[in-house]
Amino acid sequence: MNPYLGHDAWGGAVGLGALGGAFFAGVAILVIVAVVWELGWKGLALWHAAKNGQLWWFVALLLIHTLGILDITYLFGFRADRKTNPLFKSAVPPQTPSMPSSGTV
């Protein structure tokens, strides 16, 4: 067996020595956290896009994976049923109905 490729020669994962196992365990934990984060935001964004009938947003959110960045942007900025949002305020203030004039000047 080649001593440079086997686990015997280095005491752990290939070429990383005793820290190899700890390194890969840390990476595994980060991947699990990233997957849970992404699934949470993606599920919420997909649900709102489907509920509002926004087909193009649904397809984009389904196919593009950005660790929740696109999902969060959609939820706070482009969702059709959002009320007022402190992060993405509308440039045009809502208009109040005006009183009809009585015809006198």
PDB file of N, CA and C in Angstrom:
ATOM      1  N   MET A   1       0.841  -1.176   0.000  1.00  0.00           N
ATOM      2  CA  MET A   1       0.000   0.000   0.000  1.00  0.00           C
ATOM      3  C   MET A   1       0.886   1.239   0.000  1.00  0.00           C
ATOM      4  N   ASN A   2       0.480   2.243  -0.739  1.00  0.00           N
ATOM      5  CA  ASN A   2       1.250   3.467  -0.843  1.00  0.00           C
ATOM      6  C   ASN A   2       1.131   4.246   0.468  1.00  0.00           C
ATOM      7  N   PRO A   3       2.228   4.566   1.147  1.00  0.00           N
ATOM      8  CA  PRO A   3       2.152   5.246   2.439  1.00  0.00           C
ATOM      9  C   PRO A   3       1.654   6.688   2.335  1.00  0.00           C
ATOM     10  N   TYR A   4       1.688   7.286   1.152  1.00  0.00           N
ATOM     11  CA  TYR A   4       1.237   8.664   1.005  1.00  0.00           C
ATOM     12  C   TYR A   4      -0.270   8.777   0.802  1.00  0.00           C
ATOM     13  N   LEU A   5      -0.921   7.695   0.429  1.00  0.00           N
ATOM     14  CA  LEU A   5      -2.352   7.741   0.164  1.00  0.00           C
ATOM     15  C   LEU A   5      -3.187   7.055   1.234  1.00  0.00           C
ATOM     16  N   GLY A   6      -2.598   6.224   2.033  1.00  0.00           N
ATOM     17  CA  GLY A   6      -3.366   5.469   3.010  1.00  0.00           C
ATOM     18  C   GLY A   6      -3.582   6.227   4.294  1.00  0.00           C
ATOM     19  N   HIS A   7      -4.494   5.749   5.096  1.00  0.00           N
ATOM     20  CA  HIS A   7      -4.766   6.359   6.382  1.00  0.00           C
ATOM     21  C   HIS A   7      -3.702   5.993   7.416  1.00  0.00           C
ATOM     22  N   ASP A   8      -3.005   4.889   7.206  1.00  0.00           N
ATOM     23  CA  ASP A   8      -2.017   4.430   8.183  1.00  0.00           C
ATOM     24  C   ASP A   8      -0.850   5.411   8.311  1.00  0.00           C
ATOM     25  N   ALA A   9      -0.393   5.927   7.186  1.00  0.00           N
ATOM     26  CA  ALA A   9       0.820   6.730   7.189  1.00  0.00           C
ATOM     27  C   ALA A   9       0.610   8.096   7.836  1.00  0.00           C
ATOM     28  N   TRP A  10      -0.578   8.652   7.761  1.00  0.00           N
ATOM     29  CA  TRP A  10      -0.797  10.003   8.249  1.00  0.00           C
ATOM     30  C   TRP A  10      -1.639  10.055   9.513  1.00  0.00           C
ATOM     31  N   GLY A  11      -2.209   8.966   9.899  1.00  0.00           N
ATOM     32  CA  GLY A  11      -2.951   8.932  11.152  1.00  0.00           C
ATOM     33  C   GLY A  11      -4.350   9.505  11.068  1.00  0.00           C
ATOM     34  N   GLY A  12      -4.842   9.775   9.900  1.00  0.00           N
ATOM     35  CA  GLY A  12      -6.186  10.335   9.754  1.00  0.00           C
ATOM     36  C   GLY A  12      -6.546  10.393   8.289  1.00  0.00           C
ATOM     37  N   ALA A  13      -7.277  11.394   7.929  1.00  0.00           N
ATOM     38  CA  ALA A  13      -7.659  11.556   6.538  1.00  0.00           C
ATOM     39  C   ALA A  13      -6.416  11.818   5.708  1.00  0.00           C
ATOM     40  N   VAL A  14      -6.517  11.589   4.447  1.00  0.00           N
ATOM     41  CA  VAL A  14      -5.372  11.664   3.543  1.00  0.00           C
ATOM     42  C   VAL A  14      -4.702  13.027   3.611  1.00  0.00           C
ATOM     43  N   GLY A  15      -3.466  13.039   4.045  1.00  0.00           N
ATOM     44  CA  GLY A  15      -2.652  14.233   4.030  1.00  0.00           C
ATOM     45  C   GLY A  15      -2.951  15.265   5.094  1.00  0.00           C
ATOM     46  N   LEU A  16      -3.876  15.031   5.996  1.00  0.00           N
ATOM     47  CA  LEU A  16      -4.206  16.046   6.988  1.00  0.00           C
ATOM     48  C   LEU A  16      -3.816  15.665   8.399  1.00  0.00           C
ATOM     49  N   GLY A  17      -3.322  14.489   8.594  1.00  0.00           N
ATOM     50  CA  GLY A  17      -2.878  14.083   9.909  1.00  0.00           C
ATOM     51  C   GLY A  17      -4.021  13.940  10.892  1.00  0.00           C
ATOM     52  N   ALA A  18      -3.733  14.194  12.154  1.00  0.00           N
ATOM     53  CA  ALA A  18      -4.727  14.004  13.208  1.00  0.00           C
ATOM     54  C   ALA A  18      -5.860  15.018  13.113  1.00  0.00           C
ATOM     55  N   LEU A  19      -5.622  16.155  12.479  1.00  0.00           N
ATOM     56  CA  LEU A  19      -6.668  17.173  12.355  1.00  0.00           C
ATOM     57  C   LEU A  19      -7.648  16.871  11.229  1.00  0.00           C
ATOM     58  N   GLY A  20      -7.380  15.874  10.430  1.00  0.00           N
ATOM     59  CA  GLY A  20      -8.238  15.557   9.294  1.00  0.00           C
ATOM     60  C   GLY A  20      -9.662  15.252   9.692  1.00  0.00           C
ATOM     61  N   GLY A  21      -9.834  14.424  10.709  1.00  0.00           N
ATOM     62  CA  GLY A  21     -11.177  14.070  11.150  1.00  0.00           C
ATOM     63  C   GLY A  21     -11.934  15.268  11.699  1.00  0.00           C
ATOM     64  N   ALA A  22     -11.258  16.109  12.469  1.00  0.00           N
ATOM     65  CA  ALA A  22     -11.901  17.296  13.038  1.00  0.00           C
ATOM     66  C   ALA A  22     -12.266  18.296  11.948  1.00  0.00           C
ATOM     67  N   PHE A  23     -11.398  18.423  10.948  1.00  0.00           N
ATOM     68  CA  PHE A  23     -11.666  19.333   9.830  1.00  0.00           C
ATOM     69  C   PHE A  23     -12.924  18.920   9.086  1.00  0.00           C
ATOM     70  N   PHE A  24     -12.997  17.638   8.745  1.00  0.00           N
ATOM     71  CA  PHE A  24     -14.145  17.168   7.988  1.00  0.00           C
ATOM     72  C   PHE A  24     -15.423  17.170   8.823  1.00  0.00           C
ATOM     73  N   ALA A  25     -15.313  16.990  10.128  1.00  0.00           N
ATOM     74  CA  ALA A  25     -16.485  17.086  10.994  1.00  0.00           C
ATOM     75  C   ALA A  25     -16.997  18.525  11.026  1.00  0.00           C
ATOM     76  N   GLY A  26     -16.079  19.494  11.084  1.00  0.00           N
ATOM     77  CA  GLY A  26     -16.468  20.905  11.060  1.00  0.00           C
ATOM     78  C   GLY A  26     -17.128  21.296   9.750  1.00  0.00           C
ATOM     79  N   VAL A  27     -16.587  20.794   8.644  1.00  0.00           N
ATOM     80  CA  VAL A  27     -17.169  21.067   7.330  1.00  0.00           C
ATOM     81  C   VAL A  27     -18.558  20.450   7.245  1.00  0.00           C
ATOM     82  N   ALA A  28     -18.724  19.257   7.765  1.00  0.00           N
ATOM     83  CA  ALA A  28     -20.026  18.591   7.736  1.00  0.00           C
ATOM     84  C   ALA A  28     -21.060  19.390   8.525  1.00  0.00           C
ATOM     85  N   ILE A  29     -20.669  19.931   9.657  1.00  0.00           N
ATOM     86  CA  ILE A  29     -21.595  20.738  10.459  1.00  0.00           C
ATOM     87  C   ILE A  29     -21.982  22.007   9.706  1.00  0.00           C
ATOM     88  N   LEU A  30     -21.019  22.663   9.049  1.00  0.00           N
ATOM     89  CA  LEU A  30     -21.318  23.857   8.265  1.00  0.00           C
ATOM     90  C   LEU A  30     -22.262  23.550   7.107  1.00  0.00           C
ATOM     91  N   VAL A  31     -22.074  22.428   6.461  1.00  0.00           N
ATOM     92  CA  VAL A  31     -22.947  22.042   5.352  1.00  0.00           C
ATOM     93  C   VAL A  31     -24.365  21.792   5.862  1.00  0.00           C
ATOM     94  N   ILE A  32     -24.489  21.121   6.987  1.00  0.00           N
ATOM     95  CA  ILE A  32     -25.818  20.851   7.553  1.00  0.00           C
ATOM     96  C   ILE A  32     -26.516  22.160   7.926  1.00  0.00           C
ATOM     97  N   VAL A  33     -25.800  23.090   8.546  1.00  0.00           N
ATOM     98  CA  VAL A  33     -26.382  24.385   8.909  1.00  0.00           C
ATOM     99  C   VAL A  33     -26.805  25.143   7.651  1.00  0.00           C
ATOM    100  N   ALA A  34     -25.976  25.136   6.608  1.00  0.00           N
ATOM    101  CA  ALA A  34     -26.303  25.826   5.359  1.00  0.00           C
ATOM    102  C   ALA A  34     -27.537  25.217   4.696  1.00  0.00           C
ATOM    103  N   VAL A  35     -27.665  23.907   4.717  1.00  0.00           N
ATOM    104  CA  VAL A  35     -28.815  23.235   4.102  1.00  0.00           C
ATOM    105  C   VAL A  35     -30.094  23.584   4.864  1.00  0.00           C
ATOM    106  N   VAL A  36     -30.049  23.565   6.186  1.00  0.00           N
ATOM    107  CA  VAL A  36     -31.236  23.905   6.979  1.00  0.00           C
ATOM    108  C   VAL A  36     -31.627  25.359   6.741  1.00  0.00           C
ATOM    109  N   TRP A  37     -30.642  26.269   6.715  1.00  0.00           N
ATOM    110  CA  TRP A  37     -30.890  27.686   6.453  1.00  0.00           C
ATOM    111  C   TRP A  37     -31.554  27.866   5.085  1.00  0.00           C
ATOM    112  N   GLU A  38     -30.988  27.259   4.065  1.00  0.00           N
ATOM    113  CA  GLU A  38     -31.509  27.377   2.700  1.00  0.00           C
ATOM    114  C   GLU A  38     -32.918  26.808   2.594  1.00  0.00           C
ATOM    115  N   LEU A  39     -33.150  25.640   3.168  1.00  0.00           N
ATOM    116  CA  LEU A  39     -34.473  25.017   3.072  1.00  0.00           C
ATOM    117  C   LEU A  39     -35.549  25.843   3.764  1.00  0.00           C
ATOM    118  N   GLY A  40     -35.220  26.446   4.874  1.00  0.00           N
ATOM    119  CA  GLY A  40     -36.196  27.273   5.575  1.00  0.00           C
ATOM    120  C   GLY A  40     -36.633  28.475   4.751  1.00  0.00           C
ATOM    121  N   TRP A  41     -35.671  29.233   4.255  1.00  0.00           N
ATOM    122  CA  TRP A  41     -35.999  30.411   3.460  1.00  0.00           C
ATOM    123  C   TRP A  41     -36.643  30.027   2.136  1.00  0.00           C
ATOM    124  N   LYS A  42     -36.112  28.989   1.500  1.00  0.00           N
ATOM    125  CA  LYS A  42     -36.643  28.570   0.201  1.00  0.00           C
ATOM    126  C   LYS A  42     -38.077  28.084   0.333  1.00  0.00           C
ATOM    127  N   GLY A  43     -38.369  27.320   1.369  1.00  0.00           N
ATOM    128  CA  GLY A  43     -39.733  26.839   1.567  1.00  0.00           C
ATOM    129  C   GLY A  43     -40.710  27.979   1.754  1.00  0.00           C
ATOM    130  N   LEU A  44     -40.342  28.968   2.572  1.00  0.00           N
ATOM    131  CA  LEU A  44     -41.217  30.113   2.809  1.00  0.00           C
ATOM    132  C   LEU A  44     -41.414  30.931   1.531  1.00  0.00           C
ATOM    133  N   ALA A  45     -40.331  31.171   0.794  1.00  0.00           N
ATOM    134  CA  ALA A  45     -40.425  31.961  -0.434  1.00  0.00           C
ATOM    135  C   ALA A  45     -41.238  31.230  -1.502  1.00  0.00           C
ATOM    136  N   LEU A  46     -41.017  29.930  -1.663  1.00  0.00           N
ATOM    137  CA  LEU A  46     -41.776  29.165  -2.651  1.00  0.00           C
ATOM    138  C   LEU A  46     -43.257  29.137  -2.297  1.00  0.00           C
ATOM    139  N   TRP A  47     -43.565  29.017  -1.034  1.00  0.00           N
ATOM    140  CA  TRP A  47     -44.958  28.986  -0.606  1.00  0.00           C
ATOM    141  C   TRP A  47     -45.663  30.298  -0.954  1.00  0.00           C
ATOM    142  N   HIS A  48     -45.005  31.445  -0.661  1.00  0.00           N
ATOM    143  CA  HIS A  48     -45.608  32.736  -0.971  1.00  0.00           C
ATOM    144  C   HIS A  48     -45.726  32.950  -2.473  1.00  0.00           C
ATOM    145  N   ALA A  49     -44.698  32.559  -3.243  1.00  0.00           N
ATOM    146  CA  ALA A  49     -44.755  32.732  -4.700  1.00  0.00           C
ATOM    147  C   ALA A  49     -45.891  31.907  -5.294  1.00  0.00           C
ATOM    148  N   ALA A  50     -46.078  30.690  -4.814  1.00  0.00           N
ATOM    149  CA  ALA A  50     -47.166  29.845  -5.318  1.00  0.00           C
ATOM    150  C   ALA A  50     -48.521  30.405  -4.897  1.00  0.00           C
ATOM    151  N   LYS A  51     -48.627  30.858  -3.664  1.00  0.00           N
ATOM    152  CA  LYS A  51     -49.888  31.397  -3.147  1.00  0.00           C
ATOM    153  C   LYS A  51     -50.308  32.641  -3.919  1.00  0.00           C
ATOM    154  N   ASN A  52     -49.337  33.455  -4.331  1.00  0.00           N
ATOM    155  CA  ASN A  52     -49.632  34.696  -5.045  1.00  0.00           C
ATOM    156  C   ASN A  52     -49.690  34.511  -6.557  1.00  0.00           C
ATOM    157  N   GLY A  53     -49.469  33.300  -7.047  1.00  0.00           N
ATOM    158  CA  GLY A  53     -49.526  33.049  -8.480  1.00  0.00           C
ATOM    159  C   GLY A  53     -48.385  33.679  -9.263  1.00  0.00           C
ATOM    160  N   GLN A  54     -47.241  33.877  -8.645  1.00  0.00           N
ATOM    161  CA  GLN A  54     -46.076  34.469  -9.306  1.00  0.00           C
ATOM    162  C   GLN A  54     -45.197  33.345  -9.870  1.00  0.00           C
ATOM    163  N   LEU A  55     -45.570  32.871 -11.065  1.00  0.00           N
ATOM    164  CA  LEU A  55     -44.928  31.703 -11.661  1.00  0.00           C
ATOM    165  C   LEU A  55     -43.439  31.911 -11.905  1.00  0.00           C
ATOM    166  N   TRP A  56     -43.060  33.067 -12.459  1.00  0.00           N
ATOM    167  CA  TRP A  56     -41.642  33.292 -12.773  1.00  0.00           C
ATOM    168  C   TRP A  56     -40.794  33.344 -11.509  1.00  0.00           C
ATOM    169  N   TRP A  57     -41.302  33.953 -10.458  1.00  0.00           N
ATOM    170  CA  TRP A  57     -40.571  33.953  -9.195  1.00  0.00           C
ATOM    171  C   TRP A  57     -40.457  32.533  -8.649  1.00  0.00           C
ATOM    172  N   PHE A  58     -41.534  31.756  -8.753  1.00  0.00           N
ATOM    173  CA  PHE A  58     -41.506  30.382  -8.260  1.00  0.00           C
ATOM    174  C   PHE A  58     -40.423  29.580  -8.963  1.00  0.00           C
ATOM    175  N   VAL A  59     -40.368  29.680 -10.292  1.00  0.00           N
ATOM    176  CA  VAL A  59     -39.367  28.937 -11.069  1.00  0.00           C
ATOM    177  C   VAL A  59     -37.961  29.408 -10.718  1.00  0.00           C
ATOM    178  N   ALA A  60     -37.758  30.722 -10.622  1.00  0.00           N
ATOM    179  CA  ALA A  60     -36.423  31.252 -10.293  1.00  0.00           C
ATOM    180  C   ALA A  60     -35.992  30.800  -8.908  1.00  0.00           C
ATOM    181  N   LEU A  61     -36.912  30.886  -7.942  1.00  0.00           N
ATOM    182  CA  LEU A  61     -36.569  30.473  -6.582  1.00  0.00           C
ATOM    183  C   LEU A  61     -36.297  28.983  -6.495  1.00  0.00           C
ATOM    184  N   LEU A  62     -36.988  28.207  -7.311  1.00  0.00           N
ATOM    185  CA  LEU A  62     -36.803  26.761  -7.299  1.00  0.00           C
ATOM    186  C   LEU A  62     -35.461  26.363  -7.889  1.00  0.00           C
ATOM    187  N   LEU A  63     -35.008  27.070  -8.915  1.00  0.00           N
ATOM    188  CA  LEU A  63     -33.802  26.666  -9.638  1.00  0.00           C
ATOM    189  C   LEU A  63     -32.522  27.340  -9.168  1.00  0.00           C
ATOM    190  N   ILE A  64     -32.619  28.519  -8.582  1.00  0.00           N
ATOM    191  CA  ILE A  64     -31.416  29.271  -8.200  1.00  0.00           C
ATOM    192  C   ILE A  64     -31.180  29.117  -6.699  1.00  0.00           C
ATOM    193  N   HIS A  65     -30.003  28.643  -6.344  1.00  0.00           N
ATOM    194  CA  HIS A  65     -29.649  28.432  -4.942  1.00  0.00           C
ATOM    195  C   HIS A  65     -28.563  29.429  -4.541  1.00  0.00           C
ATOM    196  N   THR A  66     -28.896  30.346  -3.640  1.00  0.00           N
ATOM    197  CA  THR A  66     -27.952  31.382  -3.225  1.00  0.00           C
ATOM    198  C   THR A  66     -27.856  31.478  -1.707  1.00  0.00           C
ATOM    199  N   LEU A  67     -28.016  30.366  -1.007  1.00  0.00           N
ATOM    200  CA  LEU A  67     -27.997  30.330   0.456  1.00  0.00           C
ATOM    201  C   LEU A  67     -29.017  31.288   1.056  1.00  0.00           C
ATOM    202  N   GLY A  68     -30.147  31.441   0.402  1.00  0.00           N
ATOM    203  CA  GLY A  68     -31.237  32.232   0.944  1.00  0.00           C
ATOM    204  C   GLY A  68     -31.252  33.683   0.529  1.00  0.00           C
ATOM    205  N   ILE A  69     -30.244  34.168  -0.161  1.00  0.00           N
ATOM    206  CA  ILE A  69     -30.181  35.583  -0.511  1.00  0.00           C
ATOM    207  C   ILE A  69     -31.320  35.962  -1.455  1.00  0.00           C
ATOM    208  N   LEU A  70     -31.525  35.193  -2.523  1.00  0.00           N
ATOM    209  CA  LEU A  70     -32.610  35.479  -3.458  1.00  0.00           C
ATOM    210  C   LEU A  70     -33.962  35.292  -2.775  1.00  0.00           C
ATOM    211  N   ASP A  71     -34.073  34.280  -1.937  1.00  0.00           N
ATOM    212  CA  ASP A  71     -35.331  34.010  -1.236  1.00  0.00           C
ATOM    213  C   ASP A  71     -35.703  35.157  -0.296  1.00  0.00           C
ATOM    214  N   ILE A  72     -34.736  35.643   0.455  1.00  0.00           N
ATOM    215  CA  ILE A  72     -34.968  36.744   1.385  1.00  0.00           C
ATOM    216  C   ILE A  72     -35.312  38.020   0.612  1.00  0.00           C
ATOM    217  N   THR A  73     -34.618  38.254  -0.515  1.00  0.00           N
ATOM    218  CA  THR A  73     -34.903  39.416  -1.349  1.00  0.00           C
ATOM    219  C   THR A  73     -36.330  39.374  -1.862  1.00  0.00           C
ATOM    220  N   TYR A  74     -36.774  38.209  -2.311  1.00  0.00           N
ATOM    221  CA  TYR A  74     -38.147  38.071  -2.784  1.00  0.00           C
ATOM    222  C   TYR A  74     -39.146  38.323  -1.649  1.00  0.00           C
ATOM    223  N   LEU A  75     -38.907  37.705  -0.508  1.00  0.00           N
ATOM    224  CA  LEU A  75     -39.857  37.817   0.593  1.00  0.00           C
ATOM    225  C   LEU A  75     -40.017  39.247   1.087  1.00  0.00           C
ATOM    226  N   PHE A  76     -38.926  39.992   1.150  1.00  0.00           N
ATOM    227  CA  PHE A  76     -38.989  41.343   1.698  1.00  0.00           C
ATOM    228  C   PHE A  76     -39.152  42.429   0.640  1.00  0.00           C
ATOM    229  N   GLY A  77     -38.940  42.104  -0.631  1.00  0.00           N
ATOM    230  CA  GLY A  77     -38.990  43.155  -1.634  1.00  0.00           C
ATOM    231  C   GLY A  77     -39.982  42.986  -2.750  1.00  0.00           C
ATOM    232  N   PHE A  78     -40.225  41.764  -3.195  1.00  0.00           N
ATOM    233  CA  PHE A  78     -41.000  41.576  -4.407  1.00  0.00           C
ATOM    234  C   PHE A  78     -42.248  40.728  -4.226  1.00  0.00           C
ATOM    235  N   ARG A  79     -42.550  40.328  -3.034  1.00  0.00           N
ATOM    236  CA  ARG A  79     -43.733  39.508  -2.780  1.00  0.00           C
ATOM    237  C   ARG A  79     -44.983  40.340  -3.027  1.00  0.00           C
ATOM    238  N   ALA A  80     -45.944  39.782  -3.756  1.00  0.00           N
ATOM    239  CA  ALA A  80     -47.133  40.538  -4.151  1.00  0.00           C
ATOM    240  C   ALA A  80     -48.025  40.876  -2.967  1.00  0.00           C
ATOM    241  N   ASP A  81     -48.055  40.064  -1.945  1.00  0.00           N
ATOM    242  CA  ASP A  81     -48.982  40.302  -0.839  1.00  0.00           C
ATOM    243  C   ASP A  81     -48.333  40.959   0.377  1.00  0.00           C
ATOM    244  N   ARG A  82     -47.147  41.501   0.186  1.00  0.00           N
ATOM    245  CA  ARG A  82     -46.493  42.127   1.334  1.00  0.00           C
ATOM    246  C   ARG A  82     -47.160  43.456   1.641  1.00  0.00           C
ATOM    247  N   LYS A  83     -47.223  43.779   2.897  1.00  0.00           N
ATOM    248  CA  LYS A  83     -47.798  45.068   3.317  1.00  0.00           C
ATOM    249  C   LYS A  83     -46.676  46.096   3.263  1.00  0.00           C
ATOM    250  N   THR A  84     -46.524  46.900   4.266  1.00  0.00           N
ATOM    251  CA  THR A  84     -45.393  47.823   4.313  1.00  0.00           C
ATOM    252  C   THR A  84     -44.197  47.067   4.844  1.00  0.00           C
ATOM    253  N   ASN A  85     -43.070  47.330   4.271  1.00  0.00           N
ATOM    254  CA  ASN A  85     -41.850  46.622   4.632  1.00  0.00           C
ATOM    255  C   ASN A  85     -40.769  47.628   4.965  1.00  0.00           C
ATOM    256  N   PRO A  86     -40.185  47.555   6.147  1.00  0.00           N
ATOM    257  CA  PRO A  86     -39.169  48.541   6.522  1.00  0.00           C
ATOM    258  C   PRO A  86     -37.889  48.436   5.704  1.00  0.00           C
ATOM    259  N   LEU A  87     -37.608  47.278   5.102  1.00  0.00           N
ATOM    260  CA  LEU A  87     -36.368  47.130   4.344  1.00  0.00           C
ATOM    261  C   LEU A  87     -36.497  47.640   2.917  1.00  0.00           C
ATOM    262  N   PHE A  88     -37.646  47.476   2.304  1.00  0.00           N
ATOM    263  CA  PHE A  88     -37.846  47.861   0.911  1.00  0.00           C
ATOM    264  C   PHE A  88     -39.082  48.739   0.824  1.00  0.00           C
ATOM    265  N   LYS A  89     -38.985  49.947   1.310  1.00  0.00           N
ATOM    266  CA  LYS A  89     -40.131  50.851   1.288  1.00  0.00           C
ATOM    267  C   LYS A  89     -40.405  51.314  -0.134  1.00  0.00           C
ATOM    268  N   SER A  90     -41.651  51.498  -0.419  1.00  0.00           N
ATOM    269  CA  SER A  90     -42.070  51.960  -1.731  1.00  0.00           C
ATOM    270  C   SER A  90     -41.696  53.423  -1.903  1.00  0.00           C
ATOM    271  N   ALA A  91     -41.275  53.801  -3.119  1.00  0.00           N
ATOM    272  CA  ALA A  91     -40.906  55.183  -3.380  1.00  0.00           C
ATOM    273  C   ALA A  91     -42.151  56.050  -3.490  1.00  0.00           C
ATOM    274  N   VAL A  92     -43.277  55.460  -3.865  1.00  0.00           N
ATOM    275  CA  VAL A  92     -44.517  56.215  -4.025  1.00  0.00           C
ATOM    276  C   VAL A  92     -45.388  55.965  -2.800  1.00  0.00           C
ATOM    277  N   PRO A  93     -45.710  57.001  -2.027  1.00  0.00           N
ATOM    278  CA  PRO A  93     -46.548  56.792  -0.841  1.00  0.00           C
ATOM    279  C   PRO A  93     -47.976  56.456  -1.270  1.00  0.00           C
ATOM    280  N   PRO A  94     -48.688  55.701  -0.454  1.00  0.00           N
ATOM    281  CA  PRO A  94     -50.067  55.377  -0.811  1.00  0.00           C
ATOM    282  C   PRO A  94     -50.920  56.640  -0.825  1.00  0.00           C
ATOM    283  N   GLN A  95     -51.828  56.709  -1.802  1.00  0.00           N
ATOM    284  CA  GLN A  95     -52.656  57.902  -1.940  1.00  0.00           C
ATOM    285  C   GLN A  95     -53.949  57.730  -1.164  1.00  0.00           C
ATOM    286  N   THR A  96     -54.397  58.823  -0.548  1.00  0.00           N
ATOM    287  CA  THR A  96     -55.671  58.802   0.166  1.00  0.00           C
ATOM    288  C   THR A  96     -56.749  59.296  -0.786  1.00  0.00           C
ATOM    289  N   PRO A  97     -57.951  58.792  -0.642  1.00  0.00           N
ATOM    290  CA  PRO A  97     -59.006  59.261  -1.542  1.00  0.00           C
ATOM    291  C   PRO A  97     -59.294  60.739  -1.293  1.00  0.00           C
ATOM    292  N   SER A  98     -59.464  61.473  -2.388  1.00  0.00           N
ATOM    293  CA  SER A  98     -59.708  62.900  -2.248  1.00  0.00           C
ATOM    294  C   SER A  98     -61.217  63.163  -2.173  1.00  0.00           C
ATOM    295  N   MET A  99     -61.551  64.235  -1.526  1.00  0.00           N
ATOM    296  CA  MET A  99     -62.953  64.621  -1.387  1.00  0.00           C
ATOM    297  C   MET A  99     -63.413  65.272  -2.683  1.00  0.00           C
ATOM    298  N   PRO A 100     -64.573  64.911  -3.183  1.00  0.00           N
ATOM    299  CA  PRO A 100     -65.068  65.577  -4.412  1.00  0.00           C
ATOM    300  C   PRO A 100     -65.390  67.038  -4.121  1.00  0.00           C
ATOM    301  N   SER A 101     -65.100  67.865  -5.096  1.00  0.00           N
ATOM    302  CA  SER A 101     -65.368  69.288  -4.891  1.00  0.00           C
ATOM    303  C   SER A 101     -66.870  69.559  -5.015  1.00  0.00           C
ATOM    304  N   SER A 102     -67.333  70.558  -4.293  1.00  0.00           N
ATOM    305  CA  SER A 102     -68.762  70.874  -4.291  1.00  0.00           C
ATOM    306  C   SER A 102     -69.149  71.763  -5.451  1.00  0.00           C
ATOM    307  N   GLY A 103     -68.193  72.175  -6.245  1.00  0.00           N
ATOM    308  CA  GLY A 103     -68.488  73.010  -7.400  1.00  0.00           C
ATOM    309  C   GLY A 103     -68.409  74.495  -7.111  1.00  0.00           C
ATOM    310  N   THR A 104     -68.244  74.881  -5.869  1.00  0.00           N
ATOM    311  CA  THR A 104     -68.126  76.296  -5.536  1.00  0.00           C
ATOM    312  C   THR A 104     -66.667  76.648  -5.373  1.00  0.00           C
ATOM    313  N   VAL A 105     -66.340  77.850  -5.733  1.00  0.00           N
ATOM    314  CA  VAL A 105     -64.961  78.301  -5.650  1.00  0.00           C
ATOM    315  C   VAL A 105     -64.733  79.192  -4.475  1.00  0.00           C
TER     316      VAL A 105
END
